[in-house]
Amino acid sequence: MEWMILPYRRYAEFSGRSRRKEYWMFALFNVAVAVAITAIFGQTTYTQSGMFASAFTNVTGVGGILLALFRLASFIPSLAVGVRRLHDQDRSGWLLLLLLVPILGWFALFVLMCLPGTVGPNRFGEDPKNPTPTEVFN
């Protein structure tokens, strides 16, 4: 649970680095809350067109307001943790703008978020996995 809410404590901190674990646990938390709100407050409608059937879940009323408030409260922390995740790989946070490119940009950003960070310090800060490197010889 610690990793899921860490980006909320680092709310608008766009400097530094974040581990893959922090990013993906935050993403999992966002999906879990959205699914829970949808499951509790959602209304499912079914449609059939020829031999194909589809289902759509609509969240309105109190659930829609809760979901909108949660997404609004999570917007800045999700941008910040995404930028810090890119910083961990010694890449510019501006690469997050790949979200504006449909499908190919989303896939490229997904791949970047899955890649490991640089080992040791980089231009954005210390390694979050090993923040205090030990010196063997002084």
N, C-alpha and C. Protein backbone atom coordinates (compact mmCIF):
# COMPACT_ATOMS: atom_id res chain seq x y z
N MET A 1 0.82 -1.19 0.00
CA MET A 1 0.00 0.00 0.00
C MET A 1 0.87 1.26 0.00
N GLU A 2 2.05 1.15 0.60
CA GLU A 2 2.97 2.29 0.68
C GLU A 2 3.31 2.82 -0.72
N TRP A 3 3.60 1.92 -1.66
CA TRP A 3 3.99 2.33 -3.00
C TRP A 3 2.82 2.93 -3.77
N MET A 4 1.61 2.51 -3.43
CA MET A 4 0.44 2.99 -4.16
C MET A 4 0.11 4.45 -3.86
N ILE A 5 0.39 4.88 -2.64
CA ILE A 5 0.03 6.25 -2.27
C ILE A 5 1.24 7.19 -2.20
N LEU A 6 2.42 6.67 -2.44
CA LEU A 6 3.63 7.51 -2.42
C LEU A 6 3.54 8.69 -3.40
N PRO A 7 3.02 8.51 -4.63
CA PRO A 7 2.91 9.68 -5.52
C PRO A 7 1.97 10.76 -5.00
N TYR A 8 1.02 10.43 -4.15
CA TYR A 8 0.16 11.46 -3.56
C TYR A 8 0.94 12.29 -2.53
N ARG A 9 1.90 11.66 -1.85
CA ARG A 9 2.72 12.42 -0.90
C ARG A 9 3.74 13.29 -1.64
N ARG A 10 4.15 12.85 -2.82
CA ARG A 10 5.06 13.64 -3.65
C ARG A 10 4.24 14.34 -4.73
N TYR A 11 3.14 14.94 -4.35
CA TYR A 11 2.05 15.42 -5.20
C TYR A 11 2.51 16.11 -6.48
N ALA A 12 3.24 17.18 -6.39
CA ALA A 12 3.64 17.93 -7.57
C ALA A 12 5.16 18.01 -7.67
N GLU A 13 5.84 16.97 -7.29
CA GLU A 13 7.30 16.93 -7.34
C GLU A 13 7.73 16.33 -8.67
N PHE A 14 8.12 17.19 -9.59
CA PHE A 14 8.49 16.75 -10.93
C PHE A 14 9.99 16.51 -11.06
N SER A 15 10.75 16.75 -10.02
CA SER A 15 12.19 16.50 -10.07
C SER A 15 12.48 15.20 -9.33
N GLY A 16 13.62 14.63 -9.64
CA GLY A 16 14.00 13.39 -8.99
C GLY A 16 13.63 12.19 -9.84
N ARG A 17 13.69 11.02 -9.22
CA ARG A 17 13.49 9.77 -9.93
C ARG A 17 12.49 8.89 -9.19
N SER A 18 11.77 8.06 -9.92
CA SER A 18 10.84 7.09 -9.34
C SER A 18 11.09 5.71 -9.93
N ARG A 19 11.00 4.71 -9.10
CA ARG A 19 11.21 3.34 -9.53
C ARG A 19 10.01 2.84 -10.33
N ARG A 20 10.23 1.74 -11.05
CA ARG A 20 9.13 1.09 -11.77
C ARG A 20 8.04 0.67 -10.81
N LYS A 21 8.45 0.18 -9.66
CA LYS A 21 7.48 -0.30 -8.67
C LYS A 21 6.54 0.82 -8.24
N GLU A 22 7.08 2.00 -7.99
CA GLU A 22 6.24 3.14 -7.59
C GLU A 22 5.25 3.49 -8.70
N TYR A 23 5.73 3.55 -9.94
CA TYR A 23 4.86 3.92 -11.05
C TYR A 23 3.75 2.90 -11.26
N TRP A 24 4.10 1.62 -11.33
CA TRP A 24 3.11 0.60 -11.65
C TRP A 24 2.16 0.32 -10.49
N MET A 25 2.61 0.45 -9.26
CA MET A 25 1.69 0.28 -8.13
C MET A 25 0.70 1.44 -8.07
N PHE A 26 1.14 2.64 -8.43
CA PHE A 26 0.24 3.79 -8.50
C PHE A 26 -0.79 3.58 -9.61
N ALA A 27 -0.34 3.06 -10.75
CA ALA A 27 -1.26 2.78 -11.86
C ALA A 27 -2.27 1.71 -11.44
N LEU A 28 -1.81 0.69 -10.76
CA LEU A 28 -2.71 -0.37 -10.28
C LEU A 28 -3.73 0.18 -9.29
N PHE A 29 -3.30 1.06 -8.41
CA PHE A 29 -4.21 1.68 -7.45
C PHE A 29 -5.29 2.50 -8.16
N ASN A 30 -4.88 3.27 -9.18
CA ASN A 30 -5.85 4.06 -9.93
C ASN A 30 -6.88 3.18 -10.64
N VAL A 31 -6.42 2.10 -11.24
CA VAL A 31 -7.34 1.19 -11.92
C VAL A 31 -8.27 0.51 -10.91
N ALA A 32 -7.72 0.08 -9.78
CA ALA A 32 -8.54 -0.60 -8.76
C ALA A 32 -9.63 0.32 -8.21
N VAL A 33 -9.30 1.57 -7.94
CA VAL A 33 -10.31 2.51 -7.42
C VAL A 33 -11.36 2.78 -8.48
N ALA A 34 -10.96 2.97 -9.72
CA ALA A 34 -11.93 3.22 -10.80
C ALA A 34 -12.85 2.01 -11.01
N VAL A 35 -12.30 0.81 -10.95
CA VAL A 35 -13.11 -0.40 -11.10
C VAL A 35 -14.07 -0.54 -9.92
N ALA A 36 -13.60 -0.25 -8.72
CA ALA A 36 -14.46 -0.36 -7.53
C ALA A 36 -15.62 0.64 -7.60
N ILE A 37 -15.34 1.87 -7.97
CA ILE A 37 -16.40 2.88 -8.08
C ILE A 37 -17.39 2.48 -9.17
N THR A 38 -16.87 1.99 -10.29
CA THR A 38 -17.74 1.56 -11.38
C THR A 38 -18.58 0.36 -10.98
N ALA A 39 -17.99 -0.58 -10.26
CA ALA A 39 -18.73 -1.77 -9.83
C ALA A 39 -19.84 -1.42 -8.84
N ILE A 40 -19.59 -0.45 -7.99
CA ILE A 40 -20.58 -0.08 -6.97
C ILE A 40 -21.67 0.81 -7.55
N PHE A 41 -21.29 1.80 -8.33
CA PHE A 41 -22.25 2.81 -8.79
C PHE A 41 -22.64 2.69 -10.26
N GLY A 42 -22.02 1.80 -11.01
CA GLY A 42 -22.25 1.73 -12.45
C GLY A 42 -23.53 1.02 -12.83
N GLN A 43 -24.08 1.41 -13.96
CA GLN A 43 -25.24 0.75 -14.54
C GLN A 43 -24.82 0.21 -15.90
N THR A 44 -24.99 -1.08 -16.09
CA THR A 44 -24.57 -1.72 -17.33
C THR A 44 -25.74 -1.79 -18.30
N THR A 45 -25.49 -1.37 -19.52
CA THR A 45 -26.50 -1.48 -20.57
C THR A 45 -25.97 -2.42 -21.65
N TYR A 46 -26.84 -3.25 -22.15
CA TYR A 46 -26.46 -4.23 -23.17
C TYR A 46 -27.15 -3.88 -24.48
N THR A 47 -26.41 -3.99 -25.56
CA THR A 47 -26.97 -3.75 -26.88
C THR A 47 -26.59 -4.90 -27.79
N GLN A 48 -27.45 -5.16 -28.76
CA GLN A 48 -27.15 -6.21 -29.72
C GLN A 48 -27.35 -5.66 -31.12
N SER A 49 -26.35 -5.86 -31.94
CA SER A 49 -26.39 -5.42 -33.32
C SER A 49 -26.09 -6.62 -34.20
N GLY A 50 -27.11 -7.16 -34.79
CA GLY A 50 -26.93 -8.38 -35.59
C GLY A 50 -26.57 -9.53 -34.68
N MET A 51 -25.44 -10.15 -34.94
CA MET A 51 -25.03 -11.26 -34.09
C MET A 51 -24.01 -10.84 -33.03
N PHE A 52 -23.68 -9.56 -32.96
CA PHE A 52 -22.72 -9.06 -31.99
C PHE A 52 -23.44 -8.39 -30.82
N ALA A 53 -23.00 -8.69 -29.63
CA ALA A 53 -23.55 -8.06 -28.43
C ALA A 53 -22.45 -7.26 -27.75
N SER A 54 -22.81 -6.15 -27.12
CA SER A 54 -21.82 -5.36 -26.40
C SER A 54 -22.42 -4.86 -25.10
N ALA A 55 -21.56 -4.61 -24.17
CA ALA A 55 -21.98 -4.09 -22.87
C ALA A 55 -21.22 -2.80 -22.60
N PHE A 56 -21.91 -1.86 -21.99
CA PHE A 56 -21.31 -0.56 -21.66
C PHE A 56 -21.74 -0.20 -20.25
N THR A 57 -20.79 0.16 -19.41
CA THR A 57 -21.10 0.55 -18.05
C THR A 57 -21.04 2.06 -17.93
N ASN A 58 -22.12 2.64 -17.47
CA ASN A 58 -22.24 4.09 -17.33
C ASN A 58 -22.27 4.43 -15.84
N VAL A 59 -21.43 5.35 -15.43
CA VAL A 59 -21.40 5.77 -14.03
C VAL A 59 -21.93 7.20 -13.97
N THR A 60 -23.08 7.37 -13.33
CA THR A 60 -23.69 8.69 -13.21
C THR A 60 -24.02 8.97 -11.75
N GLY A 61 -24.51 10.13 -11.50
CA GLY A 61 -24.93 10.50 -10.14
C GLY A 61 -23.75 10.62 -9.20
N VAL A 62 -23.92 10.09 -8.00
CA VAL A 62 -22.89 10.17 -6.97
C VAL A 62 -21.61 9.46 -7.41
N GLY A 63 -21.76 8.29 -8.04
CA GLY A 63 -20.59 7.55 -8.51
C GLY A 63 -19.81 8.32 -9.56
N GLY A 64 -20.52 8.98 -10.46
CA GLY A 64 -19.85 9.78 -11.48
C GLY A 64 -19.08 10.94 -10.88
N ILE A 65 -19.67 11.56 -9.87
CA ILE A 65 -19.00 12.66 -9.19
C ILE A 65 -17.77 12.15 -8.45
N LEU A 66 -17.90 11.01 -7.75
CA LEU A 66 -16.75 10.43 -7.04
C LEU A 66 -15.63 10.07 -8.00
N LEU A 67 -15.99 9.45 -9.11
CA LEU A 67 -14.98 9.06 -10.10
C LEU A 67 -14.30 10.29 -10.70
N ALA A 68 -15.07 11.32 -11.01
CA ALA A 68 -14.49 12.55 -11.56
C ALA A 68 -13.57 13.22 -10.55
N LEU A 69 -13.97 13.28 -9.29
CA LEU A 69 -13.12 13.88 -8.25
C LEU A 69 -11.84 13.08 -8.04
N PHE A 70 -11.96 11.75 -8.07
CA PHE A 70 -10.76 10.91 -7.91
C PHE A 70 -9.81 11.13 -9.07
N ARG A 71 -10.33 11.15 -10.29
CA ARG A 71 -9.47 11.37 -11.46
C ARG A 71 -8.84 12.76 -11.44
N LEU A 72 -9.59 13.74 -11.01
CA LEU A 72 -9.06 15.10 -10.90
C LEU A 72 -7.94 15.18 -9.85
N ALA A 73 -8.16 14.52 -8.71
CA ALA A 73 -7.14 14.52 -7.64
C ALA A 73 -5.91 13.73 -8.04
N SER A 74 -6.04 12.77 -8.95
CA SER A 74 -4.93 11.92 -9.36
C SER A 74 -4.20 12.43 -10.59
N PHE A 75 -4.71 13.46 -11.23
CA PHE A 75 -4.12 13.93 -12.49
C PHE A 75 -2.69 14.44 -12.30
N ILE A 76 -2.48 15.39 -11.40
CA ILE A 76 -1.14 15.96 -11.18
C ILE A 76 -0.16 14.90 -10.65
N PRO A 77 -0.55 14.08 -9.64
CA PRO A 77 0.39 13.04 -9.20
C PRO A 77 0.75 12.05 -10.30
N SER A 78 -0.18 11.74 -11.20
CA SER A 78 0.14 10.79 -12.27
C SER A 78 1.11 11.42 -13.28
N LEU A 79 0.95 12.70 -13.56
CA LEU A 79 1.93 13.38 -14.41
C LEU A 79 3.31 13.41 -13.75
N ALA A 80 3.31 13.73 -12.46
CA ALA A 80 4.59 13.84 -11.73
C ALA A 80 5.31 12.50 -11.66
N VAL A 81 4.59 11.43 -11.35
CA VAL A 81 5.25 10.12 -11.25
C VAL A 81 5.69 9.65 -12.63
N GLY A 82 4.96 10.02 -13.69
CA GLY A 82 5.39 9.67 -15.04
C GLY A 82 6.67 10.39 -15.44
N VAL A 83 6.76 11.66 -15.09
CA VAL A 83 7.98 12.43 -15.38
C VAL A 83 9.15 11.87 -14.59
N ARG A 84 8.93 11.59 -13.31
CA ARG A 84 10.02 11.02 -12.49
C ARG A 84 10.45 9.65 -12.99
N ARG A 85 9.49 8.87 -13.52
CA ARG A 85 9.83 7.55 -14.07
C ARG A 85 10.73 7.71 -15.30
N LEU A 86 10.43 8.68 -16.14
CA LEU A 86 11.29 8.94 -17.30
C LEU A 86 12.66 9.46 -16.85
N HIS A 87 12.68 10.27 -15.80
CA HIS A 87 13.95 10.76 -15.25
C HIS A 87 14.80 9.60 -14.76
N ASP A 88 14.19 8.55 -14.25
CA ASP A 88 14.94 7.40 -13.75
C ASP A 88 15.74 6.74 -14.88
N GLN A 89 15.27 6.88 -16.10
CA GLN A 89 15.98 6.32 -17.25
C GLN A 89 16.88 7.35 -17.92
N ASP A 90 17.06 8.50 -17.26
CA ASP A 90 17.86 9.61 -17.78
C ASP A 90 17.27 10.16 -19.08
N ARG A 91 15.94 10.21 -19.12
CA ARG A 91 15.23 10.77 -20.27
C ARG A 91 14.47 12.02 -19.82
N SER A 92 14.16 12.87 -20.76
CA SER A 92 13.41 14.08 -20.46
C SER A 92 11.96 13.75 -20.13
N GLY A 93 11.40 14.48 -19.18
CA GLY A 93 10.00 14.30 -18.84
C GLY A 93 9.05 14.74 -19.94
N TRP A 94 9.56 15.51 -20.90
CA TRP A 94 8.74 15.96 -22.02
C TRP A 94 8.31 14.79 -22.91
N LEU A 95 8.96 13.65 -22.78
CA LEU A 95 8.54 12.47 -23.55
C LEU A 95 7.14 12.01 -23.14
N LEU A 96 6.65 12.50 -22.02
CA LEU A 96 5.29 12.18 -21.61
C LEU A 96 4.27 12.72 -22.61
N LEU A 97 4.68 13.66 -23.43
CA LEU A 97 3.80 14.19 -24.47
C LEU A 97 3.49 13.15 -25.55
N LEU A 98 4.17 12.01 -25.51
CA LEU A 98 3.83 10.91 -26.43
C LEU A 98 2.40 10.43 -26.22
N LEU A 99 1.83 10.76 -25.07
CA LEU A 99 0.43 10.41 -24.82
C LEU A 99 -0.51 11.08 -25.83
N LEU A 100 -0.07 12.16 -26.43
CA LEU A 100 -0.90 12.87 -27.40
C LEU A 100 -0.92 12.21 -28.77
N VAL A 101 -0.01 11.24 -28.99
CA VAL A 101 0.04 10.51 -30.25
C VAL A 101 -0.75 9.20 -30.07
N PRO A 102 -1.87 9.07 -30.73
CA PRO A 102 -2.69 7.87 -30.54
C PRO A 102 -1.96 6.59 -30.93
N ILE A 103 -2.18 5.56 -30.20
CA ILE A 103 -1.73 4.18 -30.36
C ILE A 103 -0.20 4.05 -30.37
N LEU A 104 0.50 4.58 -31.36
CA LEU A 104 1.96 4.43 -31.41
C LEU A 104 2.65 5.14 -30.25
N GLY A 105 2.21 6.33 -29.92
CA GLY A 105 2.77 7.06 -28.79
C GLY A 105 2.47 6.36 -27.47
N TRP A 106 1.25 5.84 -27.34
CA TRP A 106 0.87 5.12 -26.11
C TRP A 106 1.72 3.88 -25.95
N PHE A 107 1.92 3.14 -27.06
CA PHE A 107 2.73 1.93 -27.00
C PHE A 107 4.18 2.26 -26.66
N ALA A 108 4.72 3.30 -27.29
CA ALA A 108 6.11 3.70 -27.01
C ALA A 108 6.27 4.10 -25.55
N LEU A 109 5.31 4.85 -25.02
CA LEU A 109 5.39 5.26 -23.62
C LEU A 109 5.25 4.06 -22.68
N PHE A 110 4.39 3.11 -23.03
CA PHE A 110 4.25 1.89 -22.24
C PHE A 110 5.58 1.15 -22.18
N VAL A 111 6.25 1.03 -23.32
CA VAL A 111 7.55 0.36 -23.35
C VAL A 111 8.56 1.12 -22.49
N LEU A 112 8.58 2.44 -22.60
CA LEU A 112 9.51 3.24 -21.79
C LEU A 112 9.26 3.07 -20.30
N MET A 113 8.00 2.97 -19.90
CA MET A 113 7.68 2.81 -18.48
C MET A 113 8.06 1.42 -17.97
N CYS A 114 8.22 0.46 -18.87
CA CYS A 114 8.60 -0.89 -18.47
C CYS A 114 10.11 -1.09 -18.39
N LEU A 115 10.87 -0.22 -19.03
CA LEU A 115 12.33 -0.36 -19.04
C LEU A 115 12.92 -0.03 -17.67
N PRO A 116 14.02 -0.69 -17.30
CA PRO A 116 14.66 -0.37 -16.01
C PRO A 116 15.34 1.00 -16.06
N GLY A 117 15.55 1.57 -14.89
CA GLY A 117 16.23 2.85 -14.77
C GLY A 117 17.73 2.69 -14.86
N THR A 118 18.42 3.81 -14.95
CA THR A 118 19.87 3.77 -14.99
C THR A 118 20.40 3.41 -13.60
N VAL A 119 21.47 2.65 -13.59
CA VAL A 119 22.09 2.25 -12.33
C VAL A 119 22.99 3.37 -11.86
N GLY A 120 22.88 3.72 -10.60
CA GLY A 120 23.68 4.79 -10.03
C GLY A 120 23.06 6.15 -10.31
N PRO A 121 23.72 7.19 -9.89
CA PRO A 121 23.17 8.54 -10.08
C PRO A 121 23.19 8.95 -11.56
N ASN A 122 22.23 9.78 -11.93
CA ASN A 122 22.23 10.38 -13.27
C ASN A 122 21.96 11.87 -13.10
N ARG A 123 21.71 12.57 -14.18
CA ARG A 123 21.56 14.03 -14.09
C ARG A 123 20.31 14.46 -13.33
N PHE A 124 19.40 13.52 -13.04
CA PHE A 124 18.17 13.86 -12.33
C PHE A 124 18.20 13.47 -10.85
N GLY A 125 19.27 12.84 -10.40
CA GLY A 125 19.38 12.53 -8.99
C GLY A 125 19.97 11.16 -8.72
N GLU A 126 19.92 10.81 -7.45
CA GLU A 126 20.45 9.52 -7.01
C GLU A 126 19.55 8.37 -7.45
N ASP A 127 20.11 7.18 -7.49
CA ASP A 127 19.37 5.98 -7.84
C ASP A 127 18.37 5.67 -6.73
N PRO A 128 17.06 5.58 -7.03
CA PRO A 128 16.08 5.32 -5.98
C PRO A 128 16.20 3.91 -5.38
N LYS A 129 16.82 2.98 -6.10
CA LYS A 129 17.02 1.64 -5.56
C LYS A 129 18.18 1.60 -4.57
N ASN A 130 19.17 2.43 -4.79
CA ASN A 130 20.35 2.48 -3.92
C ASN A 130 20.75 3.94 -3.75
N PRO A 131 20.04 4.69 -2.88
CA PRO A 131 20.27 6.13 -2.78
C PRO A 131 21.63 6.51 -2.22
N THR A 132 22.26 5.64 -1.43
CA THR A 132 23.56 5.97 -0.85
C THR A 132 24.57 4.92 -1.28
N PRO A 133 25.27 5.16 -2.40
CA PRO A 133 26.26 4.18 -2.82
C PRO A 133 27.39 4.07 -1.82
N THR A 134 27.84 2.87 -1.59
CA THR A 134 28.92 2.65 -0.63
C THR A 134 30.25 2.70 -1.36
N GLU A 135 31.19 3.38 -0.75
CA GLU A 135 32.53 3.48 -1.31
C GLU A 135 33.39 2.34 -0.75
N VAL A 136 34.02 1.60 -1.63
CA VAL A 136 34.90 0.52 -1.18
C VAL A 136 36.26 1.10 -0.80
N PHE A 137 36.76 1.97 -1.63
CA PHE A 137 38.05 2.60 -1.35
C PHE A 137 37.84 4.11 -1.22
N ASN A 138 38.38 4.68 -0.19
CA ASN A 138 38.24 6.14 0.01
C ASN A 138 39.44 6.86 -0.50
